[in-house]
Amino acid sequence: MSNARKLADNLPTEGQLSNRNVLINGAMNIFQRASSATGVGSSGGYFSADRVKVSIFGTTAGRVTMAQNNDAPSGFNNSLSLSCTTTDTTLATGEAFVLRHVIEGQDLQRFAKGTSDAKEFTVSFYVKGNAAATYVCELYDSDNARQVSKSFSVTTSWTRVVLTFPADTTGAFTDDNGISLYLSIWLHSGSNFTSGTLNSTSWAANTNANRAAGISSFFDSTNRTFFLTGLQMEVGPQSTPFEHEPVGVTLSKCQRYFEKMTVATGHLGGVTGSGIASFGYDFSTKNWTQAFNTTKRAVPTVTKTISATNSGGSAATIAGGVNGVKLSSSNTGQYEYISAITADAEI
């Protein structure tokens, strides 16, 4: 069979040209929480780019500023930039700093993992930094505690990295809305995760020492930078061009996990007081309610940002379900000026 025929057989068909990318916000267009977050490194969580999670193992003294950046390769307008602000050159054995994309099992069924028809995973992205460095991209199956890792190089120019991970006929992904797969980029790690041999050729039961062997340390200098965009994961052994989509589509996908609603000059008083601008008032329950733009992955944690309150009375209560948020107060003596409400259903 000719090389051209082999390539054609592995390219997506017309019905597969959309929704190839399992990952969300790979073009780094959506930053609902903050366009820039400083001092990141003391704890894990979501700080800036939607769907990009920071995981901290152990304790590291290193700190980083994460930001949306307009330095990007041709065809992209944004990237996620990391800038080291505090170094950590004395690594504890169990410490690590990892960027992650966390994926639901029901979004991974196309890979047929754990069956005789299991498919390869091809991950691609664009990276650059202030100097040459080596980092590791890992796929970690949390349902079955199995993993595989591949190293990649960063230079001072934008480079597209393409990594094809093997199929795995052992351990199926659970078909639900829980965590099944972590796509992780290891940027800094102690010997607990680097002292072995990188497990790069096949999936295996997890051995921590083999997960990030051979990486550079992002926290070795305050000159250190890392830029990332065009993050994509798709079925099969061939990479395809990054799947750009309308920004509104990406925003809706992100809002399944996190939504921030800005309230303009709104305030919540008692059940007979004034309501929040743009919130509906339910006379039967005496609550102000607001539907989410997107149904959440799970019942979210909802919070309100208060810009000011008057004295006296009791604060309003807030609750949320997968479809919306409810605010209520049984006391007309207190008014809360609310500037924003967030709903967090992150995985």
Protein backbone atom coordinates (compact mmCIF):
# COMPACT_ATOMS: atom_id res chain seq x y z
CA MET A 1 0.00 0.00 0.00
CA SER A 2 1.37 3.45 -0.92
CA ASN A 3 2.25 6.01 1.75
CA ALA A 4 -0.39 8.32 0.27
CA ARG A 5 -3.05 5.62 0.63
CA LYS A 6 -2.01 4.93 4.25
CA LEU A 7 -2.24 8.61 5.09
CA ALA A 8 -5.63 8.95 3.42
CA ASP A 9 -6.95 5.97 5.39
CA ASN A 10 -6.01 7.68 8.65
CA LEU A 11 -7.44 11.10 7.88
CA PRO A 12 -10.84 12.00 9.34
CA THR A 13 -13.88 11.39 7.17
CA GLU A 14 -16.35 14.16 6.41
CA GLY A 15 -18.47 13.16 9.42
CA GLN A 16 -15.44 13.35 11.69
CA LEU A 17 -14.23 16.80 10.67
CA SER A 18 -15.97 18.52 13.60
CA ASN A 19 -15.69 17.74 17.30
CA ARG A 20 -12.38 15.96 16.76
CA ASN A 21 -10.80 17.74 19.72
CA VAL A 22 -11.72 16.15 23.05
CA LEU A 23 -10.21 19.10 24.92
CA ILE A 24 -11.91 22.45 25.63
CA ASN A 25 -10.44 25.93 25.21
CA GLY A 26 -7.30 24.66 23.52
CA ALA A 27 -6.87 28.01 21.73
CA MET A 28 -6.77 29.77 25.14
CA ASN A 29 -9.56 32.18 24.25
CA ILE A 30 -11.67 31.92 27.43
CA PHE A 31 -10.44 33.30 30.77
CA GLN A 32 -13.59 33.75 32.87
CA ARG A 33 -11.82 33.82 36.25
CA ALA A 34 -9.02 36.26 35.50
CA SER A 35 -6.90 37.33 32.56
CA SER A 36 -3.89 37.16 34.90
CA ALA A 37 -3.25 35.38 38.20
CA THR A 38 -0.16 36.04 40.31
CA GLY A 39 1.52 34.00 43.03
CA VAL A 40 0.28 30.66 41.68
CA GLY A 41 2.03 27.66 43.21
CA SER A 42 1.04 27.53 46.84
CA SER A 43 -2.02 25.40 46.08
CA GLY A 44 -3.75 23.75 43.17
CA GLY A 45 -6.88 24.80 41.33
CA TYR A 46 -8.22 26.80 38.39
CA PHE A 47 -6.81 30.33 38.32
CA SER A 48 -6.92 31.83 34.81
CA ALA A 49 -7.53 29.93 31.56
CA ASP A 50 -10.74 27.91 31.62
CA ARG A 51 -10.22 24.13 31.77
CA VAL A 52 -6.50 24.48 32.62
CA LYS A 53 -5.92 23.21 36.15
CA VAL A 54 -2.79 23.62 38.24
CA SER A 55 -1.97 20.55 40.35
CA ILE A 56 0.58 20.86 43.14
CA PHE A 57 2.15 17.75 44.66
CA GLY A 58 3.80 18.25 48.02
CA THR A 59 5.01 21.79 48.67
CA THR A 60 7.01 23.97 46.33
CA ALA A 61 8.47 27.42 46.95
CA GLY A 62 8.14 28.22 43.25
CA ARG A 63 5.58 30.79 42.17
CA VAL A 64 4.30 31.72 38.75
CA THR A 65 2.15 34.33 37.04
CA MET A 66 -0.39 32.78 34.67
CA ALA A 67 -1.88 35.07 32.03
CA GLN A 68 -3.65 35.30 28.71
CA ASN A 69 -1.06 36.46 26.22
CA ASN A 70 -1.36 37.71 22.63
CA ASP A 71 1.99 36.15 21.75
CA ALA A 72 0.81 33.22 19.64
CA PRO A 73 1.75 31.27 16.50
CA SER A 74 0.23 32.03 13.11
CA GLY A 75 -3.48 31.26 13.08
CA PHE A 76 -3.97 31.90 16.80
CA ASN A 77 -4.66 35.09 18.76
CA ASN A 78 -3.99 33.90 22.31
CA SER A 79 -1.81 31.67 24.43
CA LEU A 80 -1.48 30.81 28.09
CA SER A 81 1.77 32.22 29.42
CA LEU A 82 3.60 31.21 32.59
CA SER A 83 6.32 33.40 34.05
CA CYS A 84 8.42 32.29 37.01
CA THR A 85 8.41 34.93 39.77
CA THR A 86 9.94 32.87 42.61
CA THR A 87 12.48 30.11 42.06
CA ASP A 88 12.72 26.73 43.74
CA THR A 89 16.15 25.20 43.16
CA THR A 90 16.10 22.89 46.18
CA LEU A 91 13.57 20.26 45.20
CA ALA A 92 11.87 18.14 47.84
CA THR A 93 11.42 14.55 46.72
CA GLY A 94 7.62 14.70 46.55
CA GLU A 95 7.01 18.13 45.05
CA ALA A 96 5.72 18.88 41.56
CA PHE A 97 4.01 21.60 39.51
CA VAL A 98 1.74 20.27 36.77
CA LEU A 99 -0.69 21.80 34.25
CA ARG A 100 -3.71 19.57 33.64
CA HIS A 101 -6.79 19.16 31.50
CA VAL A 102 -9.27 16.94 33.35
CA ILE A 103 -11.68 14.93 31.19
CA GLU A 104 -14.98 13.19 31.90
CA GLY A 105 -15.27 9.50 31.08
CA GLN A 106 -18.34 9.98 28.90
CA ASP A 107 -16.29 12.20 26.58
CA LEU A 108 -13.63 9.51 26.10
CA GLN A 109 -15.68 6.55 24.89
CA ARG A 110 -14.53 7.13 21.30
CA PHE A 111 -11.07 5.77 22.26
CA ALA A 112 -12.58 2.33 23.11
CA LYS A 113 -9.99 1.97 25.84
CA GLY A 114 -10.05 -1.39 27.59
CA THR A 115 -11.39 -3.23 24.54
CA SER A 116 -9.84 -5.13 21.64
CA ASP A 117 -10.74 -2.15 19.41
CA ALA A 118 -8.79 0.38 21.51
CA LYS A 119 -7.56 3.45 19.59
CA GLU A 120 -4.45 5.60 19.85
CA PHE A 121 -4.47 9.08 21.44
CA THR A 122 -2.79 11.86 19.47
CA VAL A 123 -2.01 15.03 21.39
CA SER A 124 -0.76 18.18 19.70
CA PHE A 125 0.01 21.72 20.87
CA TYR A 126 2.20 24.75 20.25
CA VAL A 127 4.85 25.76 22.79
CA LYS A 128 7.74 28.09 23.28
CA GLY A 129 9.84 29.43 26.17
CA ASN A 130 12.69 31.75 27.02
CA ALA A 131 15.28 28.98 26.63
CA ALA A 132 15.65 25.34 25.67
CA ALA A 133 13.90 22.97 28.08
CA THR A 134 12.45 19.47 28.25
CA TYR A 135 9.07 18.74 29.80
CA VAL A 136 6.72 15.74 29.86
CA CYS A 137 3.15 15.24 28.63
CA GLU A 138 1.38 12.42 30.46
CA LEU A 139 -1.94 10.64 30.04
CA TYR A 140 -3.14 9.29 33.39
CA ASP A 141 -6.17 6.98 33.53
CA SER A 142 -7.63 7.64 36.99
CA ASP A 143 -10.27 4.91 36.62
CA ASN A 144 -7.62 2.20 36.41
CA ALA A 145 -4.43 3.87 37.76
CA ARG A 146 -2.61 3.44 34.46
CA GLN A 147 -0.43 5.94 32.66
CA VAL A 148 1.93 6.68 29.79
CA SER A 149 4.27 9.68 29.31
CA LYS A 150 6.21 11.30 26.49
CA SER A 151 8.81 14.06 26.68
CA PHE A 152 8.90 17.11 24.43
CA SER A 153 11.29 19.97 23.80
CA VAL A 154 10.72 23.71 24.10
CA THR A 155 12.78 26.32 22.27
CA THR A 156 12.63 30.10 21.96
CA SER A 157 10.46 29.81 18.84
CA TRP A 158 6.91 28.56 18.50
CA THR A 159 7.00 24.83 17.76
CA ARG A 160 4.13 22.42 17.17
CA VAL A 161 4.53 19.27 19.23
CA VAL A 162 2.74 16.09 18.10
CA LEU A 163 2.71 13.09 20.43
CA THR A 164 0.93 9.83 19.64
CA PHE A 165 0.20 7.66 22.65
CA PRO A 166 -0.51 3.95 22.14
CA ALA A 167 -3.89 2.28 22.39
CA ASP A 168 -4.64 0.50 25.66
CA THR A 169 -6.70 -2.70 25.65
CA THR A 170 -6.66 -2.81 29.47
CA GLY A 171 -9.00 -0.78 31.66
CA ALA A 172 -12.09 0.91 30.23
CA PHE A 173 -13.06 4.49 31.03
CA THR A 174 -16.20 4.80 33.14
CA ASP A 175 -19.07 6.23 31.08
CA ASP A 176 -20.13 9.05 33.43
CA ASN A 177 -19.43 12.68 34.33
CA GLY A 178 -16.61 11.88 36.75
CA ILE A 179 -12.85 12.11 36.24
CA SER A 180 -11.45 9.45 33.93
CA LEU A 181 -8.36 11.00 32.33
CA TYR A 182 -5.79 13.63 33.23
CA LEU A 183 -3.79 15.13 30.38
CA SER A 184 -0.84 16.53 32.32
CA ILE A 185 2.13 18.71 31.42
CA TRP A 186 4.87 18.25 34.02
CA LEU A 187 6.97 21.41 34.41
CA HIS A 188 8.74 20.86 37.75
CA SER A 189 9.18 17.77 39.88
CA GLY A 190 11.16 16.12 42.66
CA SER A 191 12.74 12.68 42.53
CA ASN A 192 9.60 10.80 43.54
CA PHE A 193 8.38 11.39 39.99
CA THR A 194 11.68 11.54 38.06
CA SER A 195 14.03 8.90 39.48
CA GLY A 196 12.87 6.05 37.24
CA THR A 197 12.71 5.53 33.49
CA LEU A 198 10.09 7.44 31.53
CA ASN A 199 7.20 5.11 30.67
CA SER A 200 6.80 6.18 27.05
CA THR A 201 6.13 3.11 24.92
CA SER A 202 3.00 1.52 26.40
CA TRP A 203 0.38 2.01 29.08
CA ALA A 204 1.28 0.47 32.43
CA ALA A 205 0.15 0.34 36.02
CA ASN A 206 1.28 3.59 37.61
CA THR A 207 4.79 3.84 39.03
CA ASN A 208 5.33 7.40 40.22
CA ALA A 209 9.09 7.38 39.55
CA ASN A 210 8.45 6.80 35.82
CA ARG A 211 5.95 9.61 35.26
CA ALA A 212 8.20 12.63 34.61
CA ALA A 213 11.76 11.34 34.30
CA GLY A 214 14.14 13.66 32.45
CA ILE A 215 12.29 16.98 32.79
CA SER A 216 13.78 20.43 33.29
CA SER A 217 12.64 22.56 36.21
CA PHE A 218 10.47 25.54 35.36
CA PHE A 219 11.42 27.12 38.69
CA ASP A 220 15.19 27.15 38.09
CA SER A 221 15.23 30.87 37.16
CA THR A 222 13.00 33.92 37.30
CA ASN A 223 13.76 34.29 33.59
CA ARG A 224 11.87 31.09 32.86
CA THR A 225 8.73 31.36 30.68
CA PHE A 226 6.38 28.85 29.05
CA PHE A 227 3.74 29.58 26.39
CA LEU A 228 1.04 27.11 25.36
CA THR A 229 -1.80 27.13 22.80
CA GLY A 230 -3.46 24.95 20.17
CA LEU A 231 -3.94 22.10 22.65
CA GLN A 232 -5.76 19.19 21.01
CA MET A 233 -6.36 15.49 21.67
CA GLU A 234 -7.98 13.29 19.03
CA VAL A 235 -8.57 9.66 18.15
CA GLY A 236 -6.07 7.74 16.09
CA PRO A 237 -2.40 7.86 15.10
CA GLN A 238 -2.55 10.98 12.89
CA SER A 239 -2.64 14.61 13.99
CA THR A 240 -4.92 16.98 12.11
CA PRO A 241 -4.83 20.79 12.04
CA PHE A 242 -6.16 22.43 15.19
CA GLU A 243 -9.96 22.49 15.25
CA HIS A 244 -10.89 26.16 15.58
CA GLU A 245 -14.49 26.83 16.64
CA PRO A 246 -16.60 29.96 17.26
CA VAL A 247 -15.67 31.55 20.57
CA GLY A 248 -19.30 31.34 21.70
CA VAL A 249 -19.18 27.56 21.32
CA THR A 250 -16.02 27.38 23.41
CA LEU A 251 -17.53 29.66 26.06
CA SER A 252 -20.60 27.44 26.34
CA LYS A 253 -18.43 24.34 26.77
CA CYS A 254 -16.42 26.09 29.49
CA GLN A 255 -19.60 27.21 31.27
CA ARG A 256 -20.58 23.59 31.79
CA TYR A 257 -17.84 23.65 34.44
CA PHE A 258 -17.69 27.29 35.53
CA GLU A 259 -19.89 30.31 34.86
CA LYS A 260 -19.49 33.88 36.03
CA MET A 261 -22.52 36.14 35.89
CA THR A 262 -21.89 39.85 36.21
CA VAL A 263 -24.67 41.81 37.89
CA ALA A 264 -24.83 45.46 36.86
CA THR A 265 -25.86 47.83 39.67
CA GLY A 266 -28.03 45.10 41.16
CA HIS A 267 -28.94 44.57 44.77
CA LEU A 268 -30.82 42.03 46.81
CA GLY A 269 -33.03 43.11 49.63
CA GLY A 270 -35.70 41.28 51.58
CA VAL A 271 -38.50 39.43 49.90
CA THR A 272 -40.46 42.67 49.62
CA GLY A 273 -37.45 44.76 48.64
CA SER A 274 -35.71 45.44 45.37
CA GLY A 275 -34.44 42.62 43.21
CA ILE A 276 -31.23 42.04 41.32
CA ALA A 277 -31.08 43.57 37.89
CA SER A 278 -31.68 40.88 35.26
CA PHE A 279 -32.82 38.37 37.90
CA GLY A 280 -36.44 37.20 37.86
CA TYR A 281 -38.58 37.31 40.98
CA ASP A 282 -40.65 34.25 41.83
CA PHE A 283 -43.70 35.43 43.78
CA SER A 284 -44.65 31.89 44.83
CA THR A 285 -41.32 31.16 46.54
CA LYS A 286 -40.31 34.79 47.15
CA ASN A 287 -36.88 34.17 45.58
CA TRP A 288 -34.84 35.88 42.92
CA THR A 289 -33.80 33.26 40.36
CA GLN A 290 -31.54 33.17 37.34
CA ALA A 291 -31.06 30.37 34.82
CA PHE A 292 -27.52 29.47 33.84
CA ASN A 293 -26.44 29.94 30.26
CA THR A 294 -25.34 26.29 30.23
CA THR A 295 -26.47 23.29 32.28
CA LYS A 296 -23.69 22.40 34.70
CA ARG A 297 -21.77 19.12 34.82
CA ALA A 298 -22.97 18.64 38.42
CA VAL A 299 -24.64 20.71 41.13
CA PRO A 300 -22.25 23.68 41.40
CA THR A 301 -20.84 25.60 44.31
CA VAL A 302 -22.34 29.07 43.99
CA THR A 303 -20.89 32.24 45.48
CA LYS A 304 -21.77 35.92 45.38
CA THR A 305 -19.40 38.86 45.32
CA ILE A 306 -20.67 41.65 47.58
CA SER A 307 -19.58 45.18 46.81
CA ALA A 308 -21.42 46.74 49.79
CA THR A 309 -24.16 46.13 52.33
CA ASN A 310 -26.22 48.34 54.60
CA SER A 311 -26.30 47.70 58.34
CA GLY A 312 -28.68 45.39 60.12
CA GLY A 313 -30.71 42.43 59.01
CA SER A 314 -29.45 39.05 57.85
CA ALA A 315 -27.48 38.27 54.74
CA ALA A 316 -29.15 36.74 51.73
CA THR A 317 -28.76 33.03 51.13
CA ILE A 318 -27.69 31.58 47.80
CA ALA A 319 -28.19 28.12 46.35
CA GLY A 320 -27.80 26.53 42.95
CA GLY A 321 -28.80 23.50 40.95
CA VAL A 322 -27.51 22.33 37.58
CA ASN A 323 -29.83 24.73 35.73
CA GLY A 324 -29.72 27.95 37.74
CA VAL A 325 -29.12 29.91 40.91
CA LYS A 326 -31.52 31.13 43.58
CA LEU A 327 -31.05 34.03 46.00
CA SER A 328 -33.38 34.83 48.85
CA SER A 329 -33.67 36.83 52.05
CA SER A 330 -36.28 36.75 54.78
CA ASN A 331 -35.21 40.13 56.16
CA THR A 332 -36.00 43.45 54.52
CA GLY A 333 -33.54 45.32 56.72
CA GLN A 334 -30.39 44.40 54.81
CA TYR A 335 -29.49 45.15 51.24
CA GLU A 336 -26.54 43.46 49.53
CA TYR A 337 -25.06 45.06 46.46
CA ILE A 338 -23.93 42.11 44.36
CA SER A 339 -21.41 42.58 41.57
CA ALA A 340 -21.03 38.97 40.44
CA ILE A 341 -22.24 35.43 41.02
CA THR A 342 -20.20 32.36 40.11
CA ALA A 343 -21.16 28.72 39.73
CA ASP A 344 -18.34 26.18 39.95
CA ALA A 345 -18.91 22.58 38.85
CA GLU A 346 -15.29 21.85 37.97
CA ILE A 347 -14.14 18.30 37.86
